[in-house]
C-alpha atoms as a PDB file:
ATOM      1  CA  UNK A   1       0.000   0.000   0.000  1.00  0.00           C
ATOM      2  CA  UNK A   2       2.961   2.250   0.710  1.00  0.00           C
ATOM      3  CA  UNK A   3       5.755   0.982  -1.565  1.00  0.00           C
ATOM      4  CA  UNK A   4       8.218   3.602  -0.361  1.00  0.00           C
ATOM      5  CA  UNK A   5       8.029   2.243   3.174  1.00  0.00           C
ATOM      6  CA  UNK A   6       7.438  -1.453   2.506  1.00  0.00           C
ATOM      7  CA  UNK A   7      10.308  -3.911   2.646  1.00  0.00           C
ATOM      8  CA  UNK A   8      10.272  -7.351   1.036  1.00  0.00           C
ATOM      9  CA  UNK A   9       9.256  -9.780   3.754  1.00  0.00           C
ATOM     10  CA  UNK A  10      11.236 -12.712   2.365  1.00  0.00           C
ATOM     11  CA  UNK A  11      14.452 -10.812   1.689  1.00  0.00           C
ATOM     12  CA  UNK A  12      14.707  -8.609   4.739  1.00  0.00           C
ATOM     13  CA  UNK A  13      12.013  -8.527   7.386  1.00  0.00           C
ATOM     14  CA  UNK A  14      11.490 -12.214   8.137  1.00  0.00           C
ATOM     15  CA  UNK A  15      14.938 -13.419   7.092  1.00  0.00           C
ATOM     16  CA  UNK A  16      16.462 -10.906   9.482  1.00  0.00           C
ATOM     17  CA  UNK A  17      19.101  -9.656   7.050  1.00  0.00           C
ATOM     18  CA  UNK A  18      18.872  -5.966   7.935  1.00  0.00           C
ATOM     19  CA  UNK A  19      21.848  -5.091  10.098  1.00  0.00           C
ATOM     20  CA  UNK A  20      23.650  -2.227  11.757  1.00  0.00           C
ATOM     21  CA  UNK A  21      22.011   1.175  11.759  1.00  0.00           C
ATOM     22  CA  UNK A  22      18.680   0.002  10.388  1.00  0.00           C
ATOM     23  CA  UNK A  23      15.581  -0.168  12.592  1.00  0.00           C
ATOM     24  CA  UNK A  24      12.844  -2.552  11.531  1.00  0.00           C
ATOM     25  CA  UNK A  25       9.139  -1.963  12.130  1.00  0.00           C
ATOM     26  CA  UNK A  26       6.525  -4.613  11.322  1.00  0.00           C
ATOM     27  CA  UNK A  27       2.863  -3.696  10.878  1.00  0.00           C
ATOM     28  CA  UNK A  28       0.021  -6.185  10.823  1.00  0.00           C
ATOM     29  CA  UNK A  29      -1.515  -5.976   7.354  1.00  0.00           C
ATOM     30  CA  UNK A  30      -5.075  -6.539   8.593  1.00  0.00           C
ATOM     31  CA  UNK A  31      -5.268  -3.320  10.627  1.00  0.00           C
ATOM     32  CA  UNK A  32      -8.186  -1.062   9.712  1.00  0.00           C
ATOM     33  CA  UNK A  33      -7.467   0.123   6.113  1.00  0.00           C
ATOM     34  CA  UNK A  34      -8.240   3.690   7.196  1.00  0.00           C
ATOM     35  CA  UNK A  35      -5.305   3.550   9.611  1.00  0.00           C
ATOM     36  CA  UNK A  36      -3.070   2.803   6.633  1.00  0.00           C
ATOM     37  CA  UNK A  37      -4.607   5.588   4.575  1.00  0.00           C
ATOM     38  CA  UNK A  38      -4.542   8.329   7.196  1.00  0.00           C
ATOM     39  CA  UNK A  39      -1.896   7.466   9.759  1.00  0.00           C
ATOM     40  CA  UNK A  40       0.669   4.799   8.930  1.00  0.00           C
ATOM     41  CA  UNK A  41       2.628   6.591   6.211  1.00  0.00           C
ATOM     42  CA  UNK A  42       2.702   9.863   8.138  1.00  0.00           C
ATOM     43  CA  UNK A  43       3.808   8.064  11.291  1.00  0.00           C
ATOM     44  CA  UNK A  44       6.762   6.464   9.538  1.00  0.00           C
ATOM     45  CA  UNK A  45       7.796   9.738   7.905  1.00  0.00           C
ATOM     46  CA  UNK A  46       7.582  11.537  11.254  1.00  0.00           C
ATOM     47  CA  UNK A  47       9.791   8.916  12.897  1.00  0.00           C
ATOM     48  CA  UNK A  48      12.364   9.274  10.120  1.00  0.00           C
ATOM     49  CA  UNK A  49      12.452  13.046  10.519  1.00  0.00           C
ATOM     50  CA  UNK A  50      12.729  12.876  14.311  1.00  0.00           C
ATOM     51  CA  UNK A  51      15.325  10.080  14.358  1.00  0.00           C
ATOM     52  CA  UNK A  52      17.524  10.934  11.346  1.00  0.00           C
ATOM     53  CA  UNK A  53      20.532   8.982  12.619  1.00  0.00           C
ATOM     54  CA  UNK A  54      18.658   5.715  11.998  1.00  0.00           C
ATOM     55  CA  UNK A  55      17.398   4.118   8.813  1.00  0.00           C
ATOM     56  CA  UNK A  56      13.825   3.092   9.600  1.00  0.00           C
ATOM     57  CA  UNK A  57      12.326   0.369   7.416  1.00  0.00           C
ATOM     58  CA  UNK A  58       8.770  -0.930   7.639  1.00  0.00           C
ATOM     59  CA  UNK A  59       7.119  -4.117   6.442  1.00  0.00           C
ATOM     60  CA  UNK A  60       3.465  -5.066   6.120  1.00  0.00           C
ATOM     61  CA  UNK A  61       3.176  -8.601   7.499  1.00  0.00           C
ATOM     62  CA  UNK A  62       0.409 -11.155   7.764  1.00  0.00           C
ATOM     63  CA  UNK A  63      -0.647 -12.429  11.185  1.00  0.00           C
ATOM     64  CA  UNK A  64       1.603 -15.477  10.920  1.00  0.00           C
ATOM     65  CA  UNK A  65       4.505 -13.507   9.435  1.00  0.00           C
ATOM     66  CA  UNK A  66       4.395 -10.955  12.238  1.00  0.00           C
ATOM     67  CA  UNK A  67       4.377 -13.700  14.870  1.00  0.00           C
ATOM     68  CA  UNK A  68       7.365 -15.304  13.131  1.00  0.00           C
ATOM     69  CA  UNK A  69       9.251 -12.008  12.820  1.00  0.00           C
ATOM     70  CA  UNK A  70       8.803 -11.376  16.549  1.00  0.00           C
ATOM     71  CA  UNK A  71       9.952 -14.892  17.377  1.00  0.00           C
ATOM     72  CA  UNK A  72      12.993 -14.586  15.084  1.00  0.00           C
ATOM     73  CA  UNK A  73      13.846 -11.105  16.405  1.00  0.00           C
ATOM     74  CA  UNK A  74      13.948  -9.835  12.829  1.00  0.00           C
ATOM     75  CA  UNK A  75      11.977  -6.690  13.741  1.00  0.00           C
ATOM     76  CA  UNK A  76      12.562  -4.183  16.541  1.00  0.00           C
ATOM     77  CA  UNK A  77       9.078  -2.655  16.810  1.00  0.00           C
ATOM     78  CA  UNK A  78       5.590  -3.560  15.631  1.00  0.00           C
ATOM     79  CA  UNK A  79       2.216  -1.913  15.101  1.00  0.00           C
ATOM     80  CA  UNK A  80      -0.841  -4.089  15.660  1.00  0.00           C
ATOM     81  CA  UNK A  81      -4.292  -4.169  17.291  1.00  0.00           C
ATOM     82  CA  UNK A  82      -4.272  -4.367  21.076  1.00  0.00           C
ATOM     83  CA  UNK A  83      -5.534  -7.937  20.850  1.00  0.00           C
ATOM     84  CA  UNK A  84      -2.446  -9.058  18.963  1.00  0.00           C
ATOM     85  CA  UNK A  85      -0.218  -7.157  21.394  1.00  0.00           C
ATOM     86  CA  UNK A  86      -1.863  -8.806  24.399  1.00  0.00           C
ATOM     87  CA  UNK A  87      -1.526 -12.213  22.756  1.00  0.00           C
ATOM     88  CA  UNK A  88       2.242 -11.985  22.196  1.00  0.00           C
ATOM     89  CA  UNK A  89       3.383  -9.619  24.968  1.00  0.00           C
ATOM     90  CA  UNK A  90       4.104 -12.125  27.719  1.00  0.00           C
ATOM     91  CA  UNK A  91       6.133 -14.582  25.651  1.00  0.00           C
ATOM     92  CA  UNK A  92       7.948 -11.975  23.552  1.00  0.00           C
ATOM     93  CA  UNK A  93       8.551  -9.339  26.220  1.00  0.00           C
ATOM     94  CA  UNK A  94       6.956  -6.711  23.982  1.00  0.00           C
ATOM     95  CA  UNK A  95       6.474  -3.317  25.608  1.00  0.00           C
ATOM     96  CA  UNK A  96       3.627  -0.935  24.891  1.00  0.00           C
ATOM     97  CA  UNK A  97       4.949   2.459  23.752  1.00  0.00           C
ATOM     98  CA  UNK A  98       1.846   4.229  22.476  1.00  0.00           C
ATOM     99  CA  UNK A  99      -1.795   3.654  21.569  1.00  0.00           C
ATOM    100  CA  UNK A 100      -3.478   5.366  18.661  1.00  0.00           C
ATOM    101  CA  UNK A 101      -6.154   7.828  19.777  1.00  0.00           C
ATOM    102  CA  UNK A 102      -8.721   8.347  17.047  1.00  0.00           C
ATOM    103  CA  UNK A 103     -10.909  11.427  17.066  1.00  0.00           C
ATOM    104  CA  UNK A 104     -14.095   9.365  17.310  1.00  0.00           C
ATOM    105  CA  UNK A 105     -13.072   8.003  20.730  1.00  0.00           C
ATOM    106  CA  UNK A 106     -12.823   9.863  24.020  1.00  0.00           C
ATOM    107  CA  UNK A 107     -10.296   7.387  25.434  1.00  0.00           C
ATOM    108  CA  UNK A 108      -7.706   5.411  23.400  1.00  0.00           C
ATOM    109  CA  UNK A 109      -8.105   2.622  25.964  1.00  0.00           C
ATOM    110  CA  UNK A 110     -11.790   2.243  25.063  1.00  0.00           C
ATOM    111  CA  UNK A 111     -11.853   2.901  21.346  1.00  0.00           C
ATOM    112  CA  UNK A 112     -12.471  -0.279  19.329  1.00  0.00           C
ATOM    113  CA  UNK A 113     -15.277  -2.805  19.298  1.00  0.00           C
ATOM    114  CA  UNK A 114     -17.489  -4.986  17.127  1.00  0.00           C
ATOM    115  CA  UNK A 115     -20.859  -4.371  15.482  1.00  0.00           C
ATOM    116  CA  UNK A 116     -23.373  -7.103  14.606  1.00  0.00           C
ATOM    117  CA  UNK A 117     -25.476  -6.096  11.598  1.00  0.00           C
ATOM    118  CA  UNK A 118     -28.448  -7.652   9.835  1.00  0.00           C
ATOM    119  CA  UNK A 119     -30.510  -6.679   6.832  1.00  0.00           C
ATOM    120  CA  UNK A 120     -33.003  -3.984   7.778  1.00  0.00           C
ATOM    121  CA  UNK A 121     -36.345  -5.527   8.729  1.00  0.00           C
ATOM    122  CA  UNK A 122     -35.026  -9.061   9.287  1.00  0.00           C
ATOM    123  CA  UNK A 123     -37.121 -10.068  12.316  1.00  0.00           C
ATOM    124  CA  UNK A 124     -35.285 -13.354  12.950  1.00  0.00           C
ATOM    125  CA  UNK A 125     -32.455 -11.740  14.914  1.00  0.00           C
ATOM    126  CA  UNK A 126     -33.610  -9.387  17.671  1.00  0.00           C
ATOM    127  CA  UNK A 127     -30.761 -10.155  20.072  1.00  0.00           C
ATOM    128  CA  UNK A 128     -27.415 -11.924  20.093  1.00  0.00           C
ATOM    129  CA  UNK A 129     -29.084 -15.005  21.593  1.00  0.00           C
ATOM    130  CA  UNK A 130     -30.979 -15.398  18.320  1.00  0.00           C
ATOM    131  CA  UNK A 131     -27.708 -15.946  16.442  1.00  0.00           C
ATOM    132  CA  UNK A 132     -27.395 -19.575  17.521  1.00  0.00           C
ATOM    133  CA  UNK A 133     -28.106 -20.880  14.019  1.00  0.00           C
ATOM    134  CA  UNK A 134     -27.134 -17.792  12.038  1.00  0.00           C
ATOM    135  CA  UNK A 135     -24.625 -17.839   9.186  1.00  0.00           C
ATOM    136  CA  UNK A 136     -22.132 -15.079   9.920  1.00  0.00           C
ATOM    137  CA  UNK A 137     -19.961 -13.109   7.524  1.00  0.00           C
ATOM    138  CA  UNK A 138     -16.574 -12.290   9.059  1.00  0.00           C
ATOM    139  CA  UNK A 139     -13.409 -10.690   7.725  1.00  0.00           C
ATOM    140  CA  UNK A 140     -11.046 -13.220   9.351  1.00  0.00           C
ATOM    141  CA  UNK A 141     -10.965 -15.431  12.473  1.00  0.00           C
ATOM    142  CA  UNK A 142      -7.787 -13.663  13.635  1.00  0.00           C
ATOM    143  CA  UNK A 143      -9.344 -10.172  13.448  1.00  0.00           C
ATOM    144  CA  UNK A 144      -9.552  -8.617  16.910  1.00  0.00           C
ATOM    145  CA  UNK A 145     -12.434  -6.257  16.125  1.00  0.00           C
ATOM    146  CA  UNK A 146     -13.888  -8.353  13.319  1.00  0.00           C
ATOM    147  CA  UNK A 147     -14.245 -11.568  15.335  1.00  0.00           C
ATOM    148  CA  UNK A 148     -12.480 -11.967  18.706  1.00  0.00           C
ATOM    149  CA  UNK A 149     -14.297  -9.108  20.458  1.00  0.00           C
ATOM    150  CA  UNK A 150     -17.578 -10.312  18.940  1.00  0.00           C
ATOM    151  CA  UNK A 151     -16.857 -13.871  20.094  1.00  0.00           C
ATOM    152  CA  UNK A 152     -16.562 -12.573  23.645  1.00  0.00           C
ATOM    153  CA  UNK A 153     -20.026 -11.028  23.416  1.00  0.00           C
ATOM    154  CA  UNK A 154     -21.496 -14.241  22.016  1.00  0.00           C
ATOM    155  CA  UNK A 155     -19.948 -16.231  24.849  1.00  0.00           C
ATOM    156  CA  UNK A 156     -21.574 -13.919  27.408  1.00  0.00           C
ATOM    157  CA  UNK A 157     -24.950 -14.803  25.893  1.00  0.00           C
ATOM    158  CA  UNK A 158     -24.328 -18.519  26.313  1.00  0.00           C
ATOM    159  CA  UNK A 159     -23.516 -19.207  22.652  1.00  0.00           C
ATOM    160  CA  UNK A 160     -20.581 -21.259  21.426  1.00  0.00           C
ATOM    161  CA  UNK A 161     -18.369 -18.993  19.268  1.00  0.00           C
ATOM    162  CA  UNK A 162     -16.433 -21.914  17.772  1.00  0.00           C
ATOM    163  CA  UNK A 163     -19.652 -23.505  16.555  1.00  0.00           C
ATOM    164  CA  UNK A 164     -20.737 -20.305  14.820  1.00  0.00           C
ATOM    165  CA  UNK A 165     -17.258 -19.789  13.419  1.00  0.00           C
ATOM    166  CA  UNK A 166     -17.259 -23.244  11.847  1.00  0.00           C
ATOM    167  CA  UNK A 167     -20.038 -22.269   9.433  1.00  0.00           C
ATOM    168  CA  UNK A 168     -19.100 -18.611   8.953  1.00  0.00           C
ATOM    169  CA  UNK A 169     -18.150 -17.063   5.617  1.00  0.00           C
ATOM    170  CA  UNK A 170     -14.737 -15.357   5.635  1.00  0.00           C
ATOM    171  CA  UNK A 171     -14.126 -12.439   3.291  1.00  0.00           C
ATOM    172  CA  UNK A 172     -10.378 -12.271   3.802  1.00  0.00           C
ATOM    173  CA  UNK A 173     -10.730  -8.466   3.727  1.00  0.00           C
ATOM    174  CA  UNK A 174     -11.648  -8.695   0.052  1.00  0.00           C
ATOM    175  CA  UNK A 175     -14.788  -8.463  -2.063  1.00  0.00           C
ATOM    176  CA  UNK A 176     -17.591  -9.236  -1.605  1.00  0.00           C
ATOM    177  CA  UNK A 177     -17.176  -7.704   1.824  1.00  0.00           C
ATOM    178  CA  UNK A 178     -18.997  -8.483   5.082  1.00  0.00           C
ATOM    179  CA  UNK A 179     -21.835  -6.016   4.507  1.00  0.00           C
ATOM    180  CA  UNK A 180     -22.418  -7.143   0.910  1.00  0.00           C
ATOM    181  CA  UNK A 181     -22.756 -10.781   1.963  1.00  0.00           C
ATOM    182  CA  UNK A 182     -25.510  -9.789   4.388  1.00  0.00           C
ATOM    183  CA  UNK A 183     -27.291  -7.597   1.847  1.00  0.00           C
ATOM    184  CA  UNK A 184     -27.278 -10.248  -0.897  1.00  0.00           C
ATOM    185  CA  UNK A 185     -28.512 -12.951   1.486  1.00  0.00           C
ATOM    186  CA  UNK A 186     -25.359 -15.086   1.507  1.00  0.00           C
ATOM    187  CA  UNK A 187     -25.039 -14.490   5.257  1.00  0.00           C
ATOM    188  CA  UNK A 188     -27.615 -13.752   7.946  1.00  0.00           C
ATOM    189  CA  UNK A 189     -25.496 -11.479  10.132  1.00  0.00           C
ATOM    190  CA  UNK A 190     -22.237  -9.641   9.574  1.00  0.00           C
ATOM    191  CA  UNK A 191     -19.591  -8.579  12.069  1.00  0.00           C
ATOM    192  CA  UNK A 192     -18.026  -5.197  11.361  1.00  0.00           C
ATOM    193  CA  UNK A 193     -15.374  -3.206  13.170  1.00  0.00           C
ATOM    194  CA  UNK A 194     -16.840  -0.296  15.106  1.00  0.00           C
ATOM    195  CA  UNK A 195     -17.134   2.793  12.854  1.00  0.00           C
ATOM    196  CA  UNK A 196     -16.931   0.643   9.691  1.00  0.00           C
ATOM    197  CA  UNK A 197     -20.703   0.871   9.235  1.00  0.00           C
ATOM    198  CA  UNK A 198     -20.597   4.669   9.369  1.00  0.00           C
ATOM    199  CA  UNK A 199     -17.724   4.748   6.862  1.00  0.00           C
ATOM    200  CA  UNK A 200     -19.574   2.525   4.405  1.00  0.00           C
ATOM    201  CA  UNK A 201     -22.550   4.861   4.615  1.00  0.00           C
ATOM    202  CA  UNK A 202     -20.422   8.004   4.344  1.00  0.00           C
ATOM    203  CA  UNK A 203     -18.666   6.778   1.206  1.00  0.00           C
ATOM    204  CA  UNK A 204     -21.995   5.797  -0.354  1.00  0.00           C
ATOM    205  CA  UNK A 205     -21.382   2.046  -0.455  1.00  0.00           C
ATOM    206  CA  UNK A 206     -24.601   1.406   1.486  1.00  0.00           C
ATOM    207  CA  UNK A 207     -27.526   3.491   2.746  1.00  0.00           C
ATOM    208  CA  UNK A 208     -28.601   4.147   6.334  1.00  0.00           C
ATOM    209  CA  UNK A 209     -31.687   1.990   5.893  1.00  0.00           C
ATOM    210  CA  UNK A 210     -29.863  -1.031   4.388  1.00  0.00           C
ATOM    211  CA  UNK A 211     -28.524  -2.545   7.597  1.00  0.00           C
ATOM    212  CA  UNK A 212     -29.614  -2.611  11.221  1.00  0.00           C
ATOM    213  CA  UNK A 213     -27.426  -3.013  14.313  1.00  0.00           C
ATOM    214  CA  UNK A 214     -28.219  -5.904  16.653  1.00  0.00           C
ATOM    215  CA  UNK A 215     -28.136  -5.027  20.364  1.00  0.00           C
ATOM    216  CA  UNK A 216     -26.561  -1.609  20.033  1.00  0.00           C
ATOM    217  CA  UNK A 217     -24.976  -0.617  23.343  1.00  0.00           C
ATOM    218  CA  UNK A 218     -25.698   2.708  24.981  1.00  0.00           C
ATOM    219  CA  UNK A 219     -22.328   4.397  25.405  1.00  0.00           C
ATOM    220  CA  UNK A 220     -20.808   7.833  25.067  1.00  0.00           C
ATOM    221  CA  UNK A 221     -17.142   6.894  24.630  1.00  0.00           C
ATOM    222  CA  UNK A 222     -17.223   6.259  20.881  1.00  0.00           C
ATOM    223  CA  UNK A 223     -19.043   8.279  18.226  1.00  0.00           C
ATOM    224  CA  UNK A 224     -20.114   5.128  16.374  1.00  0.00           C
ATOM    225  CA  UNK A 225     -22.641   2.346  16.837  1.00  0.00           C
ATOM    226  CA  UNK A 226     -21.266  -0.672  18.683  1.00  0.00           C
ATOM    227  CA  UNK A 227     -22.600  -4.023  19.943  1.00  0.00           C
ATOM    228  CA  UNK A 228     -19.722  -4.874  22.265  1.00  0.00           C
ATOM    229  CA  UNK A 229     -17.523  -3.670  25.068  1.00  0.00           C
ATOM    230  CA  UNK A 230     -14.761  -1.271  24.025  1.00  0.00           C
ATOM    231  CA  UNK A 231     -11.034  -2.058  24.068  1.00  0.00           C
ATOM    232  CA  UNK A 232      -7.703  -0.259  23.447  1.00  0.00           C
ATOM    233  CA  UNK A 233      -6.890   0.872  19.911  1.00  0.00           C
ATOM    234  CA  UNK A 234      -3.854   0.079  17.741  1.00  0.00           C
ATOM    235  CA  UNK A 235      -0.610  -0.351  19.702  1.00  0.00           C
ATOM    236  CA  UNK A 236       2.931   0.687  18.786  1.00  0.00           C
ATOM    237  CA  UNK A 237       5.198  -1.729  20.668  1.00  0.00           C
ATOM    238  CA  UNK A 238       8.916  -2.341  21.133  1.00  0.00           C
ATOM    239  CA  UNK A 239      10.704  -5.664  21.502  1.00  0.00           C
ATOM    240  CA  UNK A 240      13.358  -6.379  24.168  1.00  0.00           C
ATOM    241  CA  UNK A 241      16.337  -6.293  21.789  1.00  0.00           C
ATOM    242  CA  UNK A 242      15.578  -2.665  20.813  1.00  0.00           C
ATOM    243  CA  UNK A 243      18.018  -0.562  22.830  1.00  0.00           C
ATOM    244  CA  UNK A 244      16.721   1.666  25.624  1.00  0.00           C
ATOM    245  CA  UNK A 245      17.921   4.858  23.891  1.00  0.00           C
ATOM    246  CA  UNK A 246      16.146   3.859  20.707  1.00  0.00           C
ATOM    247  CA  UNK A 247      12.944   3.017  22.587  1.00  0.00           C
ATOM    248  CA  UNK A 248      13.106   6.413  24.291  1.00  0.00           C
ATOM    249  CA  UNK A 249      13.585   8.182  20.948  1.00  0.00           C
ATOM    250  CA  UNK A 250      10.608   6.355  19.425  1.00  0.00           C
ATOM    251  CA  UNK A 251       8.422   7.117  22.443  1.00  0.00           C
ATOM    252  CA  UNK A 252       9.234  10.826  22.393  1.00  0.00           C
ATOM    253  CA  UNK A 253       8.685  11.018  18.630  1.00  0.00           C
ATOM    254  CA  UNK A 254       5.291   9.318  18.833  1.00  0.00           C
ATOM    255  CA  UNK A 255       3.986  11.449  21.683  1.00  0.00           C
ATOM    256  CA  UNK A 256       5.108  14.680  20.024  1.00  0.00           C
ATOM    257  CA  UNK A 257       3.675  13.788  16.641  1.00  0.00           C
ATOM    258  CA  UNK A 258       0.953  16.185  15.448  1.00  0.00           C
ATOM    259  CA  UNK A 259      -2.519  14.931  14.644  1.00  0.00           C
ATOM    260  CA  UNK A 260      -2.762  13.060  11.340  1.00  0.00           C
ATOM    261  CA  UNK A 261      -5.928  11.913   9.646  1.00  0.00           C
ATOM    262  CA  UNK A 262      -8.226  10.506  12.285  1.00  0.00           C
ATOM    263  CA  UNK A 263      -6.138  11.091  15.382  1.00  0.00           C
ATOM    264  CA  UNK A 264      -2.765  11.054  17.114  1.00  0.00           C
ATOM    265  CA  UNK A 265      -0.650   8.745  19.254  1.00  0.00           C
ATOM    266  CA  UNK A 266      -1.626   8.605  22.928  1.00  0.00           C
ATOM    267  CA  UNK A 267      -1.464   6.108  25.766  1.00  0.00           C
ATOM    268  CA  UNK A 268      -3.685   3.350  27.140  1.00  0.00           C
ATOM    269  CA  UNK A 269      -2.703   2.395  30.658  1.00  0.00           C
ATOM    270  CA  UNK A 270      -4.790  -0.749  31.116  1.00  0.00           C
ATOM    271  CA  UNK A 271      -4.904  -3.841  28.905  1.00  0.00           C
ATOM    272  CA  UNK A 272      -6.653  -5.925  31.533  1.00  0.00           C
ATOM    273  CA  UNK A 273      -9.877  -5.990  29.535  1.00  0.00           C
ATOM    274  CA  UNK A 274      -8.050  -7.566  26.582  1.00  0.00           C
ATOM    275  CA  UNK A 275      -6.452 -10.204  28.779  1.00  0.00           C
ATOM    276  CA  UNK A 276      -9.829 -10.971  30.378  1.00  0.00           C
ATOM    277  CA  UNK A 277     -11.368 -11.374  26.934  1.00  0.00           C
ATOM    278  CA  UNK A 278      -8.710 -13.856  25.820  1.00  0.00           C
ATOM    279  CA  UNK A 279      -8.999 -15.736  29.095  1.00  0.00           C
ATOM    280  CA  UNK A 280     -12.773 -16.108  28.727  1.00  0.00           C
ATOM    281  CA  UNK A 281     -12.329 -17.425  25.186  1.00  0.00           C
ATOM    282  CA  UNK A 282      -9.343 -19.627  26.143  1.00  0.00           C
ATOM    283  CA  UNK A 283      -7.364 -18.034  23.336  1.00  0.00           C
ATOM    284  CA  UNK A 284      -3.905 -16.574  22.868  1.00  0.00           C
ATOM    285  CA  UNK A 285      -1.907 -16.716  26.125  1.00  0.00           C
ATOM    286  CA  UNK A 286      -4.769 -18.661  27.737  1.00  0.00           C
ATOM    287  CA  UNK A 287      -5.127 -21.372  25.126  1.00  0.00           C
ATOM    288  CA  UNK A 288      -3.692 -23.843  27.628  1.00  0.00           C
ATOM    289  CA  UNK A 289      -7.006 -23.601  29.530  1.00  0.00           C
ATOM    290  CA  UNK A 290      -8.632 -25.683  26.790  1.00  0.00           C
ATOM    291  CA  UNK A 291      -6.433 -28.619  27.781  1.00  0.00           C
ATOM    292  CA  UNK A 292      -7.353 -28.255  31.452  1.00  0.00           C
ATOM    293  CA  UNK A 293     -11.106 -27.994  30.821  1.00  0.00           C
ATOM    294  CA  UNK A 294     -13.131 -30.900  32.266  1.00  0.00           C
END
C-alpha cells in the first residue's frame, strides 16, 4: 500500500538480514485500512524526521509472518491491534509504547469494538441469543475487532463462538465484503469493526436503511454504533532487543507527533480488559485452559 516504506518480507524482514544502523518496524496488514490511509505513512515519515541517525524500514506482514518475525527477532518494533499485542506480549517481552487515539473516541483505551449487523427488517435476529443458528460473515478469524471481540459477546450470551465460526463465511478483507454478503442474502449477520458501518454509509457504499445493528450498546465513549464492550486501539510496541535509547527516541517522537488523519498517538494504561477477553475465550496466552477444561 505504501511501496516507499514497505520492505520485502522474504528478503529482509522475516529473514532478518537488515543489520547495523537500520531499525525494523513490522505492521500487521489486517489493521483497519483507514489507519493505513490516514496514519501509517505519516507516522513512519515523522519517525524518520525525528530520528535521522537511523534508517527506519517498515514491512506489512500477515498475522503469521508478524508472529514469526517477533519470534525470530527480525523486527525491533511492531504496530498491531491491542488484541495481537496482548496475545504476544508475555512470551515476547513486547512493551507498549503508544496507543493510537482516534478522534471518534474519548479514550484510546476504550476505542475499538465490534458491530453485529443484519438486513433492515429481518425479524429473525432481535438479540445476540438469536444468532445460535445464524450464518455469519466475518473478515477473518484472527481479526480482533472483526471476530475476537464479537466472540466474547457471544460467549456472554451462552452461545458457542467456535460452533458459529465453523459455518461462517470469511471475506479475507476482500470483495464481496462483510456487509455485501448480508445484503445479498449469503449471510444472515455480519460482524463489522466499530465505525466501519458509518464509513460505508459516508462513502456511499450502502444506505442508512440497508442494515440494522443488533443489540446496540448505549455508550458515550465512541461516536459510532457498537454491539460490544470497548477495548484499546492500535498499539505501537517495542521488543526487548531494541536498545533503551532507541525506545526512548521512538516514544518521544510518537507522543510529540501532530494529529494526522483521524487522530494522534496517545497512551492506554490498562490492557486488563483484553487479557480478560482472551482468558474467557481460552485463546492466545490462555489457550492452555482448553487442555485443562473438564
